Every structure is written in structure tokens, then in C-alpha cells.
Protein backbone atom coordinates (compact mmCIF):
# COMPACT_ATOMS: atom_id res chain seq x y z
CA MET A 1 13.27 61.72 -74.39
CA LYS A 2 10.34 62.79 -72.38
CA SER A 3 10.12 58.91 -71.58
CA ALA A 4 13.66 58.70 -70.12
CA LEU A 5 13.21 62.14 -67.78
CA ILE A 6 9.97 59.79 -66.45
CA GLN A 7 11.88 57.80 -65.06
CA PHE A 8 14.42 59.66 -63.79
CA ALA A 9 11.81 61.26 -62.02
CA ASN A 10 9.33 58.49 -60.91
CA GLN A 11 13.05 56.84 -59.74
CA LYS A 12 15.13 59.39 -58.36
CA ASP A 13 17.51 57.08 -58.30
CA LYS A 14 20.99 58.45 -59.39
CA ASP A 15 22.23 55.31 -60.92
CA SER A 16 19.49 54.42 -63.30
CA PRO A 17 20.88 53.25 -66.76
CA GLN A 18 20.59 55.04 -69.66
CA ALA A 19 21.68 53.37 -73.05
CA ILE A 20 24.67 54.59 -74.77
CA ARG A 21 26.84 52.91 -78.35
CA PRO A 22 29.82 55.15 -78.78
CA GLY A 23 31.77 53.83 -81.69
CA SER A 24 36.03 53.20 -81.40
CA ALA A 25 36.59 57.18 -80.16
CA PHE A 26 32.86 58.54 -80.75
CA PHE A 27 30.70 59.13 -77.91
CA SER A 28 27.03 59.29 -78.61
CA ALA A 29 24.07 59.25 -75.87
CA TYR A 30 20.24 58.83 -76.68
CA SER A 31 17.97 60.07 -74.33
CA THR A 32 14.71 58.75 -76.01
CA GLU A 33 11.57 56.43 -75.29
CA ALA A 34 14.10 53.63 -76.66
CA VAL A 35 16.48 54.16 -74.39
CA THR A 36 13.88 53.11 -71.61
CA ARG A 37 11.67 50.64 -73.20
CA ALA A 38 13.74 47.71 -71.48
CA ALA A 39 13.26 48.92 -68.03
CA LYS A 40 9.62 49.88 -68.45
CA ASP A 41 8.93 46.16 -69.99
CA THR A 42 11.21 43.58 -68.41
CA LYS A 43 10.01 43.01 -65.06
CA VAL A 44 13.09 40.64 -63.73
CA THR A 45 15.11 43.85 -64.09
CA LYS A 46 12.81 47.09 -63.20
CA SER A 47 13.12 47.05 -59.64
CA LEU A 48 16.71 45.87 -59.32
CA GLY A 49 18.96 48.37 -56.70
CA TYR A 50 22.96 48.15 -56.86
CA GLU A 51 25.55 47.03 -54.43
CA ASP A 52 29.24 47.49 -54.48
CA ASN A 53 31.62 44.55 -55.24
CA TYR A 54 35.50 45.63 -56.19
CA THR A 55 36.13 42.28 -57.49
CA PHE A 56 34.02 42.63 -60.76
CA ALA A 57 35.42 46.22 -62.20
CA GLN A 58 34.32 45.91 -65.79
CA MET A 59 31.92 44.19 -67.98
CA MET A 60 31.21 45.21 -71.57
CA PHE A 61 28.98 43.78 -74.30
CA ASP A 62 30.77 43.81 -77.94
CA PRO A 63 28.06 43.08 -80.82
CA ASP A 64 29.29 43.03 -84.43
CA SER A 65 27.37 45.57 -85.92
CA LEU A 66 23.95 44.91 -88.39
CA ASP A 67 24.97 47.30 -91.71
CA SER A 68 26.70 45.04 -93.66
CA ASP A 69 24.66 42.68 -96.67
CA GLU A 70 25.96 39.74 -94.43
CA ALA A 71 24.93 40.68 -91.17
CA LYS A 72 21.48 41.72 -92.93
CA LYS A 73 21.05 38.45 -94.72
CA SER A 74 22.28 36.16 -91.01
CA THR A 75 20.22 34.86 -88.54
CA THR A 76 22.69 35.22 -86.28
CA ILE A 77 24.28 38.13 -84.68
CA PRO A 78 27.76 37.95 -83.19
CA PHE A 79 29.13 39.08 -79.92
CA LYS A 80 31.75 39.36 -77.52
CA ILE A 81 32.47 40.13 -73.63
CA HIS A 82 34.87 41.80 -72.60
CA ASN A 83 35.68 41.93 -68.62
CA TYR A 84 38.28 43.10 -66.35
CA MET A 85 38.33 41.71 -62.70
CA SER A 86 40.17 43.78 -59.40
CA GLY A 87 40.08 40.55 -57.32
CA SER A 88 39.63 36.90 -57.06
CA ASN A 89 36.25 35.77 -56.93
CA SER A 90 34.56 31.61 -57.04
CA LEU A 91 31.20 32.14 -56.11
CA ASP A 92 28.22 31.00 -58.33
CA ARG A 93 25.65 33.50 -56.81
CA TYR A 94 27.16 35.98 -59.31
CA LYS A 95 25.83 35.84 -62.74
CA ILE A 96 26.27 37.39 -66.00
CA ASP A 97 22.62 39.21 -67.35
CA LEU A 98 22.24 40.16 -70.65
CA ASN A 99 18.64 42.17 -71.60
CA LEU A 100 17.58 42.55 -75.06
CA ASP A 101 15.37 45.38 -76.92
CA PRO A 102 11.81 43.73 -76.71
CA ARG A 103 11.94 43.90 -80.68
CA LEU A 104 14.66 41.98 -81.19
CA ALA A 105 14.23 39.46 -77.89
CA LYS A 106 10.89 38.01 -79.36
CA HIS A 107 13.10 36.86 -82.36
CA VAL A 108 15.51 35.18 -80.05
CA THR A 109 15.65 31.26 -79.90
CA LYS A 110 18.96 30.71 -78.58
CA ILE A 111 22.36 32.73 -77.20
CA SER A 112 25.76 31.06 -76.34
CA ALA A 113 29.26 32.18 -76.01
CA ASN A 114 33.01 30.05 -75.64
CA PRO A 115 33.98 30.89 -71.94
CA MET A 116 37.55 32.75 -71.89
CA ASN A 117 40.17 30.63 -73.71
CA ARG A 118 37.90 27.75 -74.05
CA SER A 119 36.12 26.24 -77.31
CA THR A 120 32.85 24.65 -76.35
CA PRO A 121 30.17 26.76 -75.80
CA VAL A 122 27.99 27.33 -73.01
CA GLU A 123 24.19 28.35 -73.23
CA PHE A 124 22.54 31.39 -71.38
CA LYS A 125 19.27 30.56 -70.11
CA ARG A 126 16.39 33.23 -70.32
CA LEU A 127 14.96 34.22 -67.27
CA LYS A 128 11.11 34.20 -65.49
CA ASN A 129 9.23 36.88 -64.34
CA GLU A 130 7.58 36.52 -60.95
CA ASN A 131 4.73 35.45 -62.89
CA GLY A 132 6.15 32.91 -64.41
CA GLU A 133 6.20 34.78 -68.04
CA LEU A 134 9.50 34.83 -70.05
CA THR A 135 11.48 37.80 -70.03
CA ASP A 136 14.26 39.76 -72.46
CA THR A 137 16.95 39.08 -69.97
CA TRP A 138 19.00 35.70 -70.97
CA GLU A 139 21.74 35.04 -67.93
CA VAL A 140 24.78 32.79 -67.57
CA ASN A 141 27.32 32.22 -64.23
CA TYR A 142 29.79 34.48 -64.10
CA ILE A 143 32.52 32.24 -63.06
CA ARG A 144 33.91 29.58 -65.39
CA ALA A 145 34.35 26.72 -62.95
CA GLU A 146 30.40 26.96 -62.31
CA GLY A 147 29.31 26.91 -65.92
CA GLY A 148 30.31 30.31 -66.63
CA LEU A 149 32.43 32.62 -69.12
CA PHE A 150 35.02 33.80 -66.53
CA GLY A 151 37.84 32.48 -64.60
CA GLY A 152 37.91 33.17 -60.88
CA ALA A 153 41.30 34.49 -60.21
CA THR A 154 41.90 36.24 -63.79
CA ILE A 155 42.45 39.53 -62.69
CA LEU A 156 44.24 42.88 -63.57
CA ALA A 157 43.60 42.41 -66.74
CA THR A 158 41.37 42.00 -69.72
CA TYR A 159 39.64 39.09 -70.92
CA THR A 160 36.95 38.20 -73.47
CA ALA A 161 34.19 35.92 -74.16
CA GLU A 162 34.67 34.91 -77.66
CA ASN A 163 32.06 33.50 -80.43
CA GLY A 164 28.64 34.61 -78.61
CA LYS A 165 25.94 34.08 -81.12
CA ILE A 166 22.31 35.53 -80.76
CA GLU A 167 20.45 33.30 -82.72
CA LEU A 168 17.50 34.22 -84.69
CA ASP A 169 14.01 32.98 -86.10
CA ASP A 170 14.28 34.91 -89.13
CA THR A 171 17.33 37.21 -91.15
CA VAL A 172 18.44 40.62 -89.59
CA GLU A 173 16.75 42.45 -92.28
CA ASN A 174 13.50 40.89 -91.98
CA ILE A 175 13.75 41.95 -88.18
CA LEU A 176 15.18 45.12 -89.23
CA LYS A 177 12.46 45.97 -91.72
CA GLU A 178 9.56 45.12 -88.96
CA GLU A 179 10.72 48.22 -86.74
CA ASN A 180 11.34 51.66 -87.67
CA LEU A 181 14.46 52.92 -85.98
CA GLU A 182 14.98 56.06 -87.96
CA ASN A 183 14.32 57.93 -84.54
CA ASP A 184 14.79 54.98 -82.38
CA LYS A 185 17.52 52.32 -81.57
CA LEU A 186 17.37 48.62 -80.89
CA ASN A 187 19.45 48.59 -77.12
CA TYR A 188 20.77 46.32 -74.75
CA HIS A 189 21.69 46.33 -71.11
CA ILE A 190 24.59 43.59 -69.89
CA TYR A 191 25.61 44.11 -66.11
CA VAL A 192 26.77 41.38 -63.11
CA ARG A 193 24.28 40.59 -60.32
CA ASN A 194 24.42 38.74 -57.50
CA ASP A 195 21.72 36.31 -57.07
CA GLU A 196 21.32 36.19 -53.53
CA THR A 197 20.97 39.40 -52.83
CA ASN A 198 19.49 40.53 -56.46
CA LYS A 199 20.83 43.11 -57.04
CA ILE A 200 23.32 44.92 -60.07
CA ILE A 201 27.18 45.63 -59.25
CA ARG A 202 27.67 48.80 -59.62
CA THR A 203 31.00 48.81 -61.42
CA ALA A 204 29.77 45.68 -63.52
CA GLU A 205 27.42 47.14 -66.21
CA ASN A 206 26.85 49.24 -69.65
CA SER A 207 24.25 49.66 -71.87
CA GLY A 208 23.76 50.27 -75.70
CA TYR A 209 22.78 49.68 -79.10
CA PHE A 210 22.98 47.57 -81.80
CA LEU A 211 24.44 49.87 -84.97
CA THR A 212 21.94 49.36 -88.56
CA ASP A 213 21.46 51.19 -91.01
CA VAL A 214 20.43 54.62 -89.54
CA ASP A 215 23.93 54.90 -88.14
CA LYS A 216 26.35 55.38 -90.92
CA GLU A 217 28.33 57.83 -89.30
CA LEU A 218 28.96 55.58 -86.54
CA THR A 219 29.39 52.47 -88.95
CA ASP A 220 31.49 55.02 -91.33
CA LYS A 221 33.98 56.03 -88.68
CA GLU A 222 34.23 52.22 -87.35
CA LYS A 223 35.35 51.10 -91.13
CA ASP A 224 38.06 53.75 -91.56
CA LEU A 225 40.22 53.61 -88.42
CA SER A 226 43.80 54.58 -88.50
CA ASP A 227 46.66 52.25 -88.58
CA ALA A 228 48.21 53.34 -85.28
CA ASN A 229 47.06 51.86 -82.12
CA GLN A 230 44.53 49.66 -84.25
CA LYS A 231 45.42 46.97 -81.75
CA SER A 232 45.49 48.86 -78.34
CA PHE A 233 41.76 48.45 -77.74
CA LEU A 234 39.31 45.84 -77.35
CA GLY A 235 36.28 48.03 -77.47
CA SER A 236 34.14 51.55 -75.87
CA SER A 237 30.82 51.39 -73.86
CA GLY A 238 29.27 53.14 -71.68
CA SER A 239 25.97 54.31 -69.54
CA VAL A 240 23.93 57.50 -68.59
CA GLN A 241 22.63 58.69 -65.07
CA TYR A 242 20.48 60.93 -63.85
CA ASN A 243 22.50 62.99 -60.76
CA GLN A 244 20.18 65.60 -59.23
CA ASP A 245 23.26 67.71 -57.48
CA ILE A 246 24.50 68.82 -60.71
CA GLY A 247 23.86 72.50 -61.10
CA GLU A 248 20.52 74.18 -59.95
CA HIS A 249 18.41 71.60 -61.92
CA GLY A 250 20.57 68.33 -62.00
CA GLY A 251 21.46 66.47 -65.06
CA LEU A 252 23.57 63.75 -67.12
CA LEU A 253 26.81 61.47 -65.96
CA LEU A 254 27.66 60.14 -69.19
CA ASP A 255 30.26 57.95 -68.51
CA GLN A 256 32.21 56.39 -71.42
CA THR A 257 34.94 53.26 -71.00
CA ILE A 258 37.35 52.29 -73.46
CA MET A 259 38.66 48.82 -72.51
CA LYS A 260 42.61 48.15 -73.33
CA ASN A 261 43.76 44.98 -75.17
CA SER A 262 46.94 45.10 -72.98
CA ILE A 263 48.97 47.67 -71.40
CA PHE A 264 48.83 50.92 -73.14
CA SER A 265 50.37 54.43 -72.58
CA TYR A 266 49.18 57.36 -74.23
CA ASN A 267 52.77 59.00 -73.53
CA LEU A 268 54.40 56.19 -75.24
CA TYR A 269 51.61 55.77 -78.13
CA ALA A 270 50.39 59.04 -79.16
CA ASP A 271 53.77 58.78 -81.66
CA ASN A 272 53.40 63.20 -81.28
CA LYS A 273 49.62 63.18 -83.00
CA GLU A 274 47.43 65.88 -81.37
CA TRP A 275 44.48 63.50 -80.97
CA THR A 276 40.66 64.49 -80.82
CA TYR A 277 37.77 63.44 -78.73
CA ASN A 278 34.67 63.21 -81.04
CA TYR A 279 31.46 63.18 -79.08
CA GLN A 280 27.33 63.80 -79.53
CA ILE A 281 24.17 63.90 -77.78
CA ASP A 282 20.27 63.46 -79.04
CA LYS A 283 19.67 66.78 -80.81
CA ASP A 284 16.34 66.34 -78.53
CA LEU A 285 18.30 67.14 -75.43
CA LEU A 286 19.59 70.66 -76.79
CA PRO A 287 17.10 72.92 -75.50
CA TYR A 288 16.90 71.89 -71.92
CA ILE A 289 20.66 72.19 -71.61
CA SER A 290 22.20 74.83 -70.10
CA GLY A 291 25.52 73.62 -70.77
CA ALA A 292 28.21 70.58 -71.46
CA GLU A 293 31.56 69.52 -69.50
CA LEU A 294 34.26 67.24 -69.94
CA HIS A 295 35.55 65.70 -66.95
CA LEU A 296 38.20 63.18 -65.47
CA HIS A 297 36.88 60.19 -64.97
CA ASP A 298 39.72 58.43 -63.20
CA TYR A 299 40.11 53.94 -62.02
CA GLU A 300 40.51 54.23 -59.02
CA GLY A 301 42.74 50.98 -58.15
CA LEU A 302 40.65 48.23 -56.81
CA SER A 303 37.50 50.63 -56.50
CA GLY A 304 37.07 50.99 -60.16
CA PHE A 305 35.30 54.04 -61.39
CA ASN A 306 33.78 56.53 -59.31
CA LYS A 307 30.09 57.17 -60.02
CA ASP A 308 29.54 59.72 -57.94
CA TYR A 309 29.52 63.49 -59.03
CA ASN A 310 32.39 66.01 -58.47
CA ALA A 311 32.20 69.32 -60.13
CA LYS A 312 35.64 69.68 -59.48
CA ASN A 313 36.96 67.27 -61.64
CA LYS A 314 35.84 69.45 -64.24
CA VAL A 315 38.92 70.06 -66.92
CA ALA A 316 36.59 71.67 -69.85
CA ASP A 317 33.62 73.31 -71.52
CA LEU A 318 32.34 71.71 -74.42
CA SER A 319 30.69 73.09 -77.28
CA LEU A 320 28.14 71.48 -79.31
CA ASP A 321 26.44 72.28 -83.08
CA LYS A 322 22.74 72.32 -83.66
CA ASP A 323 22.79 68.78 -84.18
CA GLY A 324 24.60 68.35 -80.93
CA LYS A 325 27.85 67.21 -82.09
CA GLY A 326 31.06 68.46 -80.76
CA SER A 327 34.87 67.68 -80.46
CA ILE A 328 37.76 68.94 -78.36
CA THR A 329 41.85 68.23 -78.72
CA ALA A 330 44.98 69.28 -77.53
CA LYS A 331 48.77 68.71 -77.66
CA ASP A 332 48.98 66.87 -74.11
CA MET A 333 45.20 64.78 -74.25
CA ASN A 334 46.30 63.80 -70.66
CA LYS A 335 44.75 66.85 -69.60
CA LEU A 336 41.48 66.15 -70.78
CA ILE A 337 41.48 61.96 -70.28
CA GLU A 338 42.57 59.95 -67.74
CA PHE A 339 44.72 57.14 -69.60
CA ASN A 340 45.67 55.26 -67.00
CA ASN A 341 49.04 54.85 -68.80
CA SER A 342 50.83 52.18 -68.01
CA THR A 343 48.62 49.87 -67.00
CA PRO A 344 46.00 47.15 -67.99
CA GLU A 345 42.81 49.56 -66.28
CA PRO A 346 40.32 50.39 -68.45
CA ILE A 347 40.16 54.53 -69.60
CA GLY A 348 37.60 56.50 -68.54
CA ILE A 349 35.70 59.82 -70.19
CA ARG A 350 33.15 61.80 -68.36
CA ILE A 351 30.66 64.30 -70.21
CA VAL A 352 28.54 66.02 -67.48
CA LEU A 353 25.17 67.87 -69.28
CA LYS A 354 23.31 70.09 -67.15
CA PHE A 355 20.00 70.77 -67.09
CA ASN A 356 18.77 74.27 -67.66
CA GLN A 357 14.97 73.68 -66.02
CA SER A 358 13.69 70.89 -63.77
CA PRO A 359 13.15 67.16 -65.42
CA ASN A 360 9.14 67.98 -64.04
CA ASN A 361 9.11 71.02 -66.26
CA ILE A 362 10.23 68.97 -69.13
CA LEU A 363 7.98 66.35 -68.71
CA THR A 364 5.16 67.96 -67.75
CA LYS A 365 5.41 69.98 -71.22
CA ASP A 366 2.52 68.92 -73.90
CA ALA A 367 2.42 66.29 -71.83
CA GLU A 368 -1.22 64.11 -71.51
CA TYR A 369 -2.29 62.01 -68.06
CA ASP A 370 -4.54 58.70 -67.20
CA ASP A 371 -7.87 58.68 -65.98
CA ASP A 372 -5.90 58.08 -62.38
CA GLY A 373 -4.14 61.31 -62.85
CA ASN A 374 -0.29 60.03 -63.94
CA LEU A 375 1.36 60.88 -66.93
CA ILE A 376 1.69 59.16 -69.88
CA ARG A 377 4.82 57.56 -70.61
CA GLU A 378 4.60 58.35 -74.55
CA THR A 379 3.73 61.30 -74.42
């Protein structure tokens, strides 16, 4: 957690992405060293800023879980990329960048995926930094006509690049054995980047981590699905951002996005059954949190999800147990979650965590410094 806050304090940037890997309806946010490792080690993405482009509304990386015997014996990690566009675009300057945890990236030999509605895969290119060194980021064009994954005019619906493959030089099992993941995660970060400005499109980005044996609670939930609405949703992902305007000491915005398979309406498909939203934060955060809130997070037409903080969007206080878990339910979940009913627009959910002290106080607790007086990230 400290290294995440070091990044927050150093960057002073509300838009710094952190990793998050929710299950189908289970939100799990981590703020550990693993969360920020990619941002620290990958020079090509370290200093990227953000820009708005309402064409690219949503981008989601959807890898298979790595807990099954079949997955662990394989030398390939399957994945899909889901996409939602609000407007047309045909320019080749827009790229899809996939950043992988360096502990996984060092074993990758090739990454490829089939463009939407195509059967021939395209290969991602591994990027180099300013010193000519290979990074942990792979890239492919966004626009299919430019050798990319998605059509430039396929708008207002969710489309998927299928048959994604991360090819490895060893089995998943052997790679996982090299690392102690009991309190750590293998992260990923995907985003759309404007190659001319070298900035990330604010609305087309998410982070997460690969589910392994240590995530049994989440993988069990993925296998125990209700028969109802099984085909309504494609996947779920999100991001965590530090925002200094939250409360007295700042806090975290935890934004979850659920992408629909087509048009969905809670009013039609809830079938008069009471739905429950489950969430979990890293228990290491608990001593530093003064409160947790649920906020409405609406998809605002062509502009997509608003990344700003607005205290007026609060709809409920959230409780957290000693493990950082909680749940909330209502007879009408429309009062708690913006489902964007009867449209293909993604569902947005926001949890706000308020710090009980400044990030600097949290950082300097038991911290160590180098000879130049700089805070050592790992302490």
C-alpha cells in the first residue's frame, strides 16, 4: 500500500491508474506494491498524461483465470478485448497498448488476437523505451483497416476481439511457482493511446490482475453463476484513482465498469428478485480509511463516464468487515447503481474511500530513506 501512496504523492495526479480485478459482481481493489510495479518499471508508460476523446468510450482486457489444471499446464494465456465506441474514427494514430507485470512479461514470446469479426490474428508489437530497451508493453493499432482490432464505424455497441493469446516460454504453472503471489498480484494495464500526443484516452483504460490459485474466493464465484442473466454481461473491470478533493485528507475513487452483451434493463431482467452488490478492499487499507461510500456513476452520453469527483453523487454509506469485505442490497437497485437501462451503454459503479490522514503521514510511517533523502518505495 505504501508504494501506491508514494506514487500518489510523487505524481500529484488524480488520474493515476491502479490495478483492480473484479469478478462478475464482486469488486476487489488492491493498493500494494504490485499495483504500481508496472508504472515504476515501464519507462514507456511512466510519464504519459491523459486527454479526452469521446470516440473511445470503453476498453476492457478480459483474460482467462489461471487456476485450473488446464490453464497451469499451458504455455498460452487466452484473452479477449471488449470495446465500446461512441463515435466513428479512422485514424491510424490511435493504438491499443497492453502493459504486463514484468514478472510475466519476461516470459512472453508473442501476443496476438483476432480483430472483431475476423478469423486471421494480428500480432502485437513489443515497445522499446527511449534507450532502445524492450519494455513490458505490447501495442497494436486500434482501427481494423490499419491492421488493428476494431472497426472505425462500429459504434454504440460492444464488440470483441476474440482468440487472444499471450504465448510464453514456459508453462503457467512453472512461471507462477517462481513468484510468491500470496500477498501479491500479476497485474495488467490496457489503454488507448494517441501516438501523436503520446497521451492516454481518459475513458478507454482499465487495469487488473490475473486470477490464480490464491484468488480462490473470486474464482469460485466465477464458477458459481446464476442461471439468470448469464448472457447479459461480457465482463467487468475498473480502475482506482487518488483524488485530493475527497474529504479532509483526500481518498480513492474505485470505478467499476460492467460491459453488456447487448441492450440490458434491470427493470426487465431482475425478475423481482433482490440483487446484492459485493465488494472488497485490501484489509491493509482499513487503518487508514475513515469511511466508504457508494456513488452513482453514470455513463453520460457521448462523453462516457465522468472521472471527476462529485460528493453529491453519494447514495449510501458502505460497511467493511475486518477483512475489508461488505455487501449492499435493495429492492430497487436502480437507486444504488446506474444500469443505463434499455441501452447498450456500460454499467458504472463507484466506491469512494476517504483517508483519515494525509497520504504523506501514511507514507512516512516506518519509512526508510536513501542517502539523498528520497523515500525508498519498498519500505
